[in-house]
């Protein structure tokens, strides 16, 4: 009866018999959502680290490929000039 009167004013009594502005079910849902958000943020940060590592490796490999390409062009030009003589 008291709980019904309080709930009409958007006041609730929790398990510890304290008056609250939010009912205990919503508090529990909010805590669960908070925990899920923390997990999601952790997953996003982990994915970001993985992508950063992938970008670093890709840049390293692209530099190595460019170096090998320039060497191959140099060797090709040397062979062309040597075959002319």
PDB file of N, CA and C in Angstrom:
ATOM      1  N   UNK A   1       0.814  -1.184   0.000  1.00  0.00           N
ATOM      2  CA  UNK A   1       0.000   0.000   0.000  1.00  0.00           C
ATOM      3  C   UNK A   1       0.861   1.253   0.000  1.00  0.00           C
ATOM      4  N   UNK A   2       1.876   1.255   0.853  1.00  0.00           N
ATOM      5  CA  UNK A   2       2.788   2.398   0.892  1.00  0.00           C
ATOM      6  C   UNK A   2       3.570   2.471  -0.411  1.00  0.00           C
ATOM      7  N   UNK A   3       3.952   1.305  -0.894  1.00  0.00           N
ATOM      8  CA  UNK A   3       4.712   1.274  -2.145  1.00  0.00           C
ATOM      9  C   UNK A   3       3.885   1.819  -3.305  1.00  0.00           C
ATOM     10  N   UNK A   4       2.604   1.522  -3.316  1.00  0.00           N
ATOM     11  CA  UNK A   4       1.734   2.035  -4.377  1.00  0.00           C
ATOM     12  C   UNK A   4       1.618   3.550  -4.299  1.00  0.00           C
ATOM     13  N   UNK A   5       1.510   4.058  -3.084  1.00  0.00           N
ATOM     14  CA  UNK A   5       1.408   5.513  -2.912  1.00  0.00           C
ATOM     15  C   UNK A   5       2.694   6.191  -3.344  1.00  0.00           C
ATOM     16  N   UNK A   6       3.830   5.599  -2.972  1.00  0.00           N
ATOM     17  CA  UNK A   6       5.113   6.185  -3.364  1.00  0.00           C
ATOM     18  C   UNK A   6       5.330   6.090  -4.867  1.00  0.00           C
ATOM     19  N   UNK A   7       4.914   4.963  -5.458  1.00  0.00           N
ATOM     20  CA  UNK A   7       5.131   4.798  -6.898  1.00  0.00           C
ATOM     21  C   UNK A   7       4.312   5.798  -7.705  1.00  0.00           C
ATOM     22  N   UNK A   8       3.219   6.281  -7.153  1.00  0.00           N
ATOM     23  CA  UNK A   8       2.454   7.305  -7.868  1.00  0.00           C
ATOM     24  C   UNK A   8       3.234   8.618  -7.954  1.00  0.00           C
ATOM     25  N   UNK A   9       4.203   8.795  -7.040  1.00  0.00           N
ATOM     26  CA  UNK A   9       5.082   9.968  -7.070  1.00  0.00           C
ATOM     27  C   UNK A   9       6.443   9.630  -7.681  1.00  0.00           C
ATOM     28  N   UNK A  10       6.534   8.462  -8.308  1.00  0.00           N
ATOM     29  CA  UNK A  10       7.778   7.954  -8.901  1.00  0.00           C
ATOM     30  C   UNK A  10       8.865   7.776  -7.854  1.00  0.00           C
ATOM     31  N   UNK A  11       8.475   7.298  -6.700  1.00  0.00           N
ATOM     32  CA  UNK A  11       9.409   6.941  -5.631  1.00  0.00           C
ATOM     33  C   UNK A  11       9.258   5.453  -5.365  1.00  0.00           C
ATOM     34  N   UNK A  12      10.370   4.796  -5.044  1.00  0.00           N
ATOM     35  CA  UNK A  12      10.358   3.351  -4.866  1.00  0.00           C
ATOM     36  C   UNK A  12      11.132   2.990  -3.612  1.00  0.00           C
ATOM     37  N   UNK A  13      10.807   1.846  -3.037  1.00  0.00           N
ATOM     38  CA  UNK A  13      11.520   1.338  -1.867  1.00  0.00           C
ATOM     39  C   UNK A  13      12.347   0.151  -2.340  1.00  0.00           C
ATOM     40  N   UNK A  14      13.652   0.181  -2.042  1.00  0.00           N
ATOM     41  CA  UNK A  14      14.520  -0.906  -2.479  1.00  0.00           C
ATOM     42  C   UNK A  14      14.569  -2.015  -1.432  1.00  0.00           C
ATOM     43  N   UNK A  15      15.458  -2.994  -1.655  1.00  0.00           N
ATOM     44  CA  UNK A  15      15.578  -4.140  -0.753  1.00  0.00           C
ATOM     45  C   UNK A  15      16.071  -3.746   0.630  1.00  0.00           C
ATOM     46  N   UNK A  16      16.752  -2.632   0.722  1.00  0.00           N
ATOM     47  CA  UNK A  16      17.274  -2.160   2.008  1.00  0.00           C
ATOM     48  C   UNK A  16      16.304  -1.194   2.681  1.00  0.00           C
ATOM     49  N   UNK A  17      15.080  -1.123   2.150  1.00  0.00           N
ATOM     50  CA  UNK A  17      14.029  -0.231   2.664  1.00  0.00           C
ATOM     51  C   UNK A  17      14.420   1.240   2.596  1.00  0.00           C
ATOM     52  N   UNK A  18      15.144   1.593   1.553  1.00  0.00           N
ATOM     53  CA  UNK A  18      15.491   2.992   1.308  1.00  0.00           C
ATOM     54  C   UNK A  18      14.638   3.505   0.165  1.00  0.00           C
ATOM     55  N   UNK A  19      14.266   4.759   0.235  1.00  0.00           N
ATOM     56  CA  UNK A  19      13.457   5.361  -0.820  1.00  0.00           C
ATOM     57  C   UNK A  19      14.369   5.751  -1.979  1.00  0.00           C
ATOM     58  N   UNK A  20      13.979   5.337  -3.164  1.00  0.00           N
ATOM     59  CA  UNK A  20      14.769   5.596  -4.372  1.00  0.00           C
ATOM     60  C   UNK A  20      13.903   6.292  -5.413  1.00  0.00           C
ATOM     61  N   UNK A  21      14.570   6.994  -6.330  1.00  0.00           N
ATOM     62  CA  UNK A  21      13.863   7.642  -7.435  1.00  0.00           C
ATOM     63  C   UNK A  21      13.671   6.705  -8.618  1.00  0.00           C
ATOM     64  N   UNK A  22      14.470   5.659  -8.664  1.00  0.00           N
ATOM     65  CA  UNK A  22      14.416   4.700  -9.767  1.00  0.00           C
ATOM     66  C   UNK A  22      14.132   3.325  -9.181  1.00  0.00           C
ATOM     67  N   UNK A  23      13.249   2.576  -9.821  1.00  0.00           N
ATOM     68  CA  UNK A  23      12.940   1.249  -9.282  1.00  0.00           C
ATOM     69  C   UNK A  23      14.123   0.307  -9.468  1.00  0.00           C
ATOM     70  N   UNK A  24      14.178  -0.725  -8.646  1.00  0.00           N
ATOM     71  CA  UNK A  24      15.337  -1.617  -8.604  1.00  0.00           C
ATOM     72  C   UNK A  24      15.541  -2.362  -9.917  1.00  0.00           C
ATOM     73  N   UNK A  25      14.463  -2.640 -10.637  1.00  0.00           N
ATOM     74  CA  UNK A  25      14.589  -3.334 -11.920  1.00  0.00           C
ATOM     75  C   UNK A  25      15.341  -2.470 -12.929  1.00  0.00           C
ATOM     76  N   UNK A  26      15.033  -1.199 -12.957  1.00  0.00           N
ATOM     77  CA  UNK A  26      15.728  -0.297 -13.885  1.00  0.00           C
ATOM     78  C   UNK A  26      17.180  -0.101 -13.469  1.00  0.00           C
ATOM     79  N   UNK A  27      17.437  -0.096 -12.175  1.00  0.00           N
ATOM     80  CA  UNK A  27      18.819   0.018 -11.701  1.00  0.00           C
ATOM     81  C   UNK A  27      19.619  -1.200 -12.159  1.00  0.00           C
ATOM     82  N   UNK A  28      19.027  -2.384 -12.027  1.00  0.00           N
ATOM     83  CA  UNK A  28      19.705  -3.608 -12.458  1.00  0.00           C
ATOM     84  C   UNK A  28      19.931  -3.597 -13.966  1.00  0.00           C
ATOM     85  N   UNK A  29      18.923  -3.171 -14.724  1.00  0.00           N
ATOM     86  CA  UNK A  29      19.070  -3.086 -16.177  1.00  0.00           C
ATOM     87  C   UNK A  29      20.161  -2.089 -16.560  1.00  0.00           C
ATOM     88  N   UNK A  30      20.212  -0.977 -15.846  1.00  0.00           N
ATOM     89  CA  UNK A  30      21.244   0.036 -16.122  1.00  0.00           C
ATOM     90  C   UNK A  30      22.632  -0.508 -15.836  1.00  0.00           C
ATOM     91  N   UNK A  31      22.771  -1.254 -14.751  1.00  0.00           N
ATOM     92  CA  UNK A  31      24.070  -1.844 -14.412  1.00  0.00           C
ATOM     93  C   UNK A  31      24.485  -2.863 -15.469  1.00  0.00           C
ATOM     94  N   UNK A  32      23.526  -3.663 -15.926  1.00  0.00           N
ATOM     95  CA  UNK A  32      23.827  -4.649 -16.968  1.00  0.00           C
ATOM     96  C   UNK A  32      24.245  -3.955 -18.262  1.00  0.00           C
ATOM     97  N   UNK A  33      23.529  -2.903 -18.626  1.00  0.00           N
ATOM     98  CA  UNK A  33      23.868  -2.145 -19.829  1.00  0.00           C
ATOM     99  C   UNK A  33      25.252  -1.518 -19.702  1.00  0.00           C
ATOM    100  N   UNK A  34      25.569  -0.984 -18.526  1.00  0.00           N
ATOM    101  CA  UNK A  34      26.881  -0.392 -18.292  1.00  0.00           C
ATOM    102  C   UNK A  34      27.984  -1.434 -18.498  1.00  0.00           C
ATOM    103  N   UNK A  35      27.780  -2.638 -17.950  1.00  0.00           N
ATOM    104  CA  UNK A  35      28.776  -3.697 -18.098  1.00  0.00           C
ATOM    105  C   UNK A  35      28.929  -4.124 -19.558  1.00  0.00           C
ATOM    106  N   UNK A  36      27.812  -4.222 -20.261  1.00  0.00           N
ATOM    107  CA  UNK A  36      27.878  -4.584 -21.678  1.00  0.00           C
ATOM    108  C   UNK A  36      28.592  -3.506 -22.486  1.00  0.00           C
ATOM    109  N   UNK A  37      28.368  -2.254 -22.130  1.00  0.00           N
ATOM    110  CA  UNK A  37      29.047  -1.153 -22.825  1.00  0.00           C
ATOM    111  C   UNK A  37      30.550  -1.200 -22.578  1.00  0.00           C
ATOM    112  N   UNK A  38      30.946  -1.519 -21.346  1.00  0.00           N
ATOM    113  CA  UNK A  38      32.374  -1.638 -21.043  1.00  0.00           C
ATOM    114  C   UNK A  38      33.003  -2.751 -21.872  1.00  0.00           C
ATOM    115  N   UNK A  39      32.307  -3.883 -21.974  1.00  0.00           N
ATOM    116  CA  UNK A  39      32.812  -4.989 -22.791  1.00  0.00           C
ATOM    117  C   UNK A  39      32.922  -4.580 -24.253  1.00  0.00           C
ATOM    118  N   UNK A  40      31.917  -3.881 -24.753  1.00  0.00           N
ATOM    119  CA  UNK A  40      31.925  -3.433 -26.145  1.00  0.00           C
ATOM    120  C   UNK A  40      33.088  -2.483 -26.400  1.00  0.00           C
ATOM    121  N   UNK A  41      33.293  -1.539 -25.493  1.00  0.00           N
ATOM    122  CA  UNK A  41      34.401  -0.590 -25.648  1.00  0.00           C
ATOM    123  C   UNK A  41      35.728  -1.332 -25.632  1.00  0.00           C
ATOM    124  N   UNK A  42      35.848  -2.325 -24.752  1.00  0.00           N
ATOM    125  CA  UNK A  42      37.066  -3.136 -24.721  1.00  0.00           C
ATOM    126  C   UNK A  42      37.300  -3.845 -26.040  1.00  0.00           C
ATOM    127  N   UNK A  43      36.237  -4.390 -26.621  1.00  0.00           N
ATOM    128  CA  UNK A  43      36.359  -5.074 -27.912  1.00  0.00           C
ATOM    129  C   UNK A  43      36.739  -4.105 -29.024  1.00  0.00           C
ATOM    130  N   UNK A  44      36.165  -2.912 -28.995  1.00  0.00           N
ATOM    131  CA  UNK A  44      36.489  -1.908 -30.015  1.00  0.00           C
ATOM    132  C   UNK A  44      37.951  -1.496 -29.900  1.00  0.00           C
ATOM    133  N   UNK A  45      38.430  -1.283 -28.676  1.00  0.00           N
ATOM    134  CA  UNK A  45      39.829  -0.890 -28.488  1.00  0.00           C
ATOM    135  C   UNK A  45      40.777  -2.002 -28.927  1.00  0.00           C
ATOM    136  N   UNK A  46      40.412  -3.246 -28.639  1.00  0.00           N
ATOM    137  CA  UNK A  46      41.237  -4.373 -29.074  1.00  0.00           C
ATOM    138  C   UNK A  46      41.271  -4.452 -30.603  1.00  0.00           C
ATOM    139  N   UNK A  47      40.123  -4.242 -31.235  1.00  0.00           N
ATOM    140  CA  UNK A  47      40.064  -4.246 -32.700  1.00  0.00           C
ATOM    141  C   UNK A  47      40.908  -3.120 -33.275  1.00  0.00           C
ATOM    142  N   UNK A  48      40.874  -1.965 -32.625  1.00  0.00           N
ATOM    143  CA  UNK A  48      41.668  -0.821 -33.082  1.00  0.00           C
ATOM    144  C   UNK A  48      43.155  -1.152 -33.038  1.00  0.00           C
ATOM    145  N   UNK A  49      43.602  -1.800 -31.960  1.00  0.00           N
ATOM    146  CA  UNK A  49      45.010  -2.185 -31.855  1.00  0.00           C
ATOM    147  C   UNK A  49      45.391  -3.154 -32.968  1.00  0.00           C
ATOM    148  N   UNK A  50      44.513  -4.110 -33.239  1.00  0.00           N
ATOM    149  CA  UNK A  50      44.789  -5.088 -34.295  1.00  0.00           C
ATOM    150  C   UNK A  50      44.885  -4.399 -35.649  1.00  0.00           C
ATOM    151  N   UNK A  51      43.991  -3.459 -35.918  1.00  0.00           N
ATOM    152  CA  UNK A  51      44.014  -2.732 -37.187  1.00  0.00           C
ATOM    153  C   UNK A  51      45.277  -1.885 -37.291  1.00  0.00           C
ATOM    154  N   UNK A  52      45.698  -1.261 -36.189  1.00  0.00           N
ATOM    155  CA  UNK A  52      46.930  -0.465 -36.214  1.00  0.00           C
ATOM    156  C   UNK A  52      48.132  -1.340 -36.536  1.00  0.00           C
ATOM    157  N   UNK A  53      48.185  -2.532 -35.957  1.00  0.00           N
ATOM    158  CA  UNK A  53      49.278  -3.464 -36.253  1.00  0.00           C
ATOM    159  C   UNK A  53      49.228  -3.874 -37.721  1.00  0.00           C
ATOM    160  N   UNK A  54      48.033  -4.146 -38.229  1.00  0.00           N
ATOM    161  CA  UNK A  54      47.874  -4.521 -39.636  1.00  0.00           C
ATOM    162  C   UNK A  54      48.346  -3.405 -40.557  1.00  0.00           C
ATOM    163  N   UNK A  55      48.021  -2.169 -40.224  1.00  0.00           N
ATOM    164  CA  UNK A  55      48.454  -1.022 -41.038  1.00  0.00           C
ATOM    165  C   UNK A  55      49.972  -0.899 -41.011  1.00  0.00           C
ATOM    166  N   UNK A  56      50.576  -1.050 -39.827  1.00  0.00           N
ATOM    167  CA  UNK A  56      52.039  -0.974 -39.727  1.00  0.00           C
ATOM    168  C   UNK A  56      52.698  -2.046 -40.589  1.00  0.00           C
ATOM    169  N   UNK A  57      52.200  -3.281 -40.498  1.00  0.00           N
ATOM    170  CA  UNK A  57      52.773  -4.385 -41.280  1.00  0.00           C
ATOM    171  C   UNK A  57      52.597  -4.132 -42.778  1.00  0.00           C
ATOM    172  N   UNK A  58      51.437  -3.634 -43.170  1.00  0.00           N
ATOM    173  CA  UNK A  58      51.177  -3.357 -44.581  1.00  0.00           C
ATOM    174  C   UNK A  58      52.116  -2.280 -45.106  1.00  0.00           C
ATOM    175  N   UNK A  59      52.328  -1.231 -44.314  1.00  0.00           N
ATOM    176  CA  UNK A  59      53.254  -0.172 -44.725  1.00  0.00           C
ATOM    177  C   UNK A  59      54.674  -0.709 -44.841  1.00  0.00           C
ATOM    178  N   UNK A  60      55.080  -1.563 -43.905  1.00  0.00           N
ATOM    179  CA  UNK A  60      56.414  -2.155 -43.957  1.00  0.00           C
ATOM    180  C   UNK A  60      56.569  -3.000 -45.219  1.00  0.00           C
ATOM    181  N   UNK A  61      55.583  -3.849 -45.499  1.00  0.00           N
ATOM    182  CA  UNK A  61      55.656  -4.698 -46.690  1.00  0.00           C
ATOM    183  C   UNK A  61      55.625  -3.875 -47.970  1.00  0.00           C
ATOM    184  N   UNK A  62      54.865  -2.795 -47.984  1.00  0.00           N
ATOM    185  CA  UNK A  62      54.810  -1.968 -49.193  1.00  0.00           C
ATOM    186  C   UNK A  62      56.165  -1.312 -49.453  1.00  0.00           C
ATOM    187  N   UNK A  63      56.879  -0.917 -48.396  1.00  0.00           N
ATOM    188  CA  UNK A  63      58.223  -0.348 -48.570  1.00  0.00           C
ATOM    189  C   UNK A  63      59.181  -1.400 -49.108  1.00  0.00           C
ATOM    190  N   UNK A  64      59.060  -2.626 -48.591  1.00  0.00           N
ATOM    191  CA  UNK A  64      59.927  -3.700 -49.071  1.00  0.00           C
ATOM    192  C   UNK A  64      59.629  -4.031 -50.533  1.00  0.00           C
ATOM    193  N   UNK A  65      58.376  -4.041 -50.896  1.00  0.00           N
ATOM    194  CA  UNK A  65      57.994  -4.314 -52.286  1.00  0.00           C
ATOM    195  C   UNK A  65      58.499  -3.206 -53.196  1.00  0.00           C
ATOM    196  N   UNK A  66      58.382  -1.956 -52.753  1.00  0.00           N
ATOM    197  CA  UNK A  66      58.857  -0.824 -53.562  1.00  0.00           C
ATOM    198  C   UNK A  66      60.370  -0.906 -53.759  1.00  0.00           C
ATOM    199  N   UNK A  67      61.097  -1.268 -52.717  1.00  0.00           N
ATOM    200  CA  UNK A  67      62.554  -1.416 -52.829  1.00  0.00           C
ATOM    201  C   UNK A  67      62.902  -2.521 -53.826  1.00  0.00           C
ATOM    202  N   UNK A  68      62.217  -3.656 -53.713  1.00  0.00           N
ATOM    203  CA  UNK A  68      62.474  -4.761 -54.637  1.00  0.00           C
ATOM    204  C   UNK A  68      62.104  -4.373 -56.064  1.00  0.00           C
ATOM    205  N   UNK A  69      61.029  -3.622 -56.235  1.00  0.00           N
ATOM    206  CA  UNK A  69      60.611  -3.183 -57.568  1.00  0.00           C
ATOM    207  C   UNK A  69      61.665  -2.273 -58.193  1.00  0.00           C
ATOM    208  N   UNK A  70      62.186  -1.327 -57.398  1.00  0.00           N
ATOM    209  CA  UNK A  70      63.212  -0.420 -57.922  1.00  0.00           C
ATOM    210  C   UNK A  70      64.491  -1.173 -58.275  1.00  0.00           C
ATOM    211  N   UNK A  71      64.858  -2.160 -57.455  1.00  0.00           N
ATOM    212  CA  UNK A  71      66.037  -2.975 -57.774  1.00  0.00           C
ATOM    213  C   UNK A  71      65.820  -3.740 -59.076  1.00  0.00           C
ATOM    214  N   UNK A  72      64.624  -4.293 -59.251  1.00  0.00           N
ATOM    215  CA  UNK A  72      64.324  -5.049 -60.468  1.00  0.00           C
ATOM    216  C   UNK A  72      64.374  -4.145 -61.694  1.00  0.00           C
ATOM    217  N   UNK A  73      63.875  -2.925 -61.566  1.00  0.00           N
ATOM    218  CA  UNK A  73      63.937  -1.974 -62.682  1.00  0.00           C
ATOM    219  C   UNK A  73      65.388  -1.634 -62.996  1.00  0.00           C
ATOM    220  N   UNK A  74      66.194  -1.453 -61.963  1.00  0.00           N
ATOM    221  CA  UNK A  74      67.616  -1.153 -62.170  1.00  0.00           C
ATOM    222  C   UNK A  74      68.331  -2.289 -62.875  1.00  0.00           C
ATOM    223  N   UNK A  75      68.069  -3.519 -62.442  1.00  0.00           N
ATOM    224  CA  UNK A  75      68.698  -4.679 -63.080  1.00  0.00           C
ATOM    225  C   UNK A  75      68.227  -4.804 -64.523  1.00  0.00           C
ATOM    226  N   UNK A  76      66.959  -4.574 -64.757  1.00  0.00           N
ATOM    227  CA  UNK A  76      66.416  -4.649 -66.114  1.00  0.00           C
ATOM    228  C   UNK A  76      67.086  -3.616 -67.016  1.00  0.00           C
ATOM    229  N   UNK A  77      67.260  -2.406 -66.521  1.00  0.00           N
ATOM    230  CA  UNK A  77      67.918  -1.358 -67.305  1.00  0.00           C
ATOM    231  C   UNK A  77      69.383  -1.694 -67.567  1.00  0.00           C
ATOM    232  N   UNK A  78      70.046  -2.272 -66.559  1.00  0.00           N
ATOM    233  CA  UNK A  78      71.450  -2.668 -66.756  1.00  0.00           C
ATOM    234  C   UNK A  78      71.552  -3.747 -67.829  1.00  0.00           C
ATOM    235  N   UNK A  79      70.627  -4.704 -67.815  1.00  0.00           N
ATOM    236  CA  UNK A  79      70.650  -5.761 -68.825  1.00  0.00           C
ATOM    237  C   UNK A  79      70.379  -5.207 -70.220  1.00  0.00           C
ATOM    238  N   UNK A  80      69.457  -4.248 -70.311  1.00  0.00           N
ATOM    239  CA  UNK A  80      69.175  -3.640 -71.607  1.00  0.00           C
ATOM    240  C   UNK A  80      70.399  -2.906 -72.137  1.00  0.00           C
ATOM    241  N   UNK A  81      71.050  -2.143 -71.255  1.00  0.00           N
ATOM    242  CA  UNK A  81      72.222  -1.385 -71.716  1.00  0.00           C
ATOM    243  C   UNK A  81      73.390  -2.325 -72.019  1.00  0.00           C
ATOM    244  N   UNK A  82      73.532  -3.424 -71.283  1.00  0.00           N
ATOM    245  CA  UNK A  82      74.614  -4.372 -71.542  1.00  0.00           C
ATOM    246  C   UNK A  82      74.363  -5.131 -72.841  1.00  0.00           C
ATOM    247  N   UNK A  83      73.125  -5.390 -73.173  1.00  0.00           N
ATOM    248  CA  UNK A  83      72.832  -6.139 -74.390  1.00  0.00           C
ATOM    249  C   UNK A  83      73.039  -5.286 -75.641  1.00  0.00           C
ATOM    250  N   UNK A  84      73.071  -3.962 -75.492  1.00  0.00           N
ATOM    251  CA  UNK A  84      73.314  -3.088 -76.632  1.00  0.00           C
ATOM    252  C   UNK A  84      74.776  -3.146 -77.059  1.00  0.00           C
ATOM    253  N   UNK A  85      75.655  -3.490 -76.177  1.00  0.00           N
ATOM    254  CA  UNK A  85      77.088  -3.497 -76.500  1.00  0.00           C
ATOM    255  C   UNK A  85      77.548  -4.832 -76.881  1.00  0.00           C
TER     256      UNK A  85
END
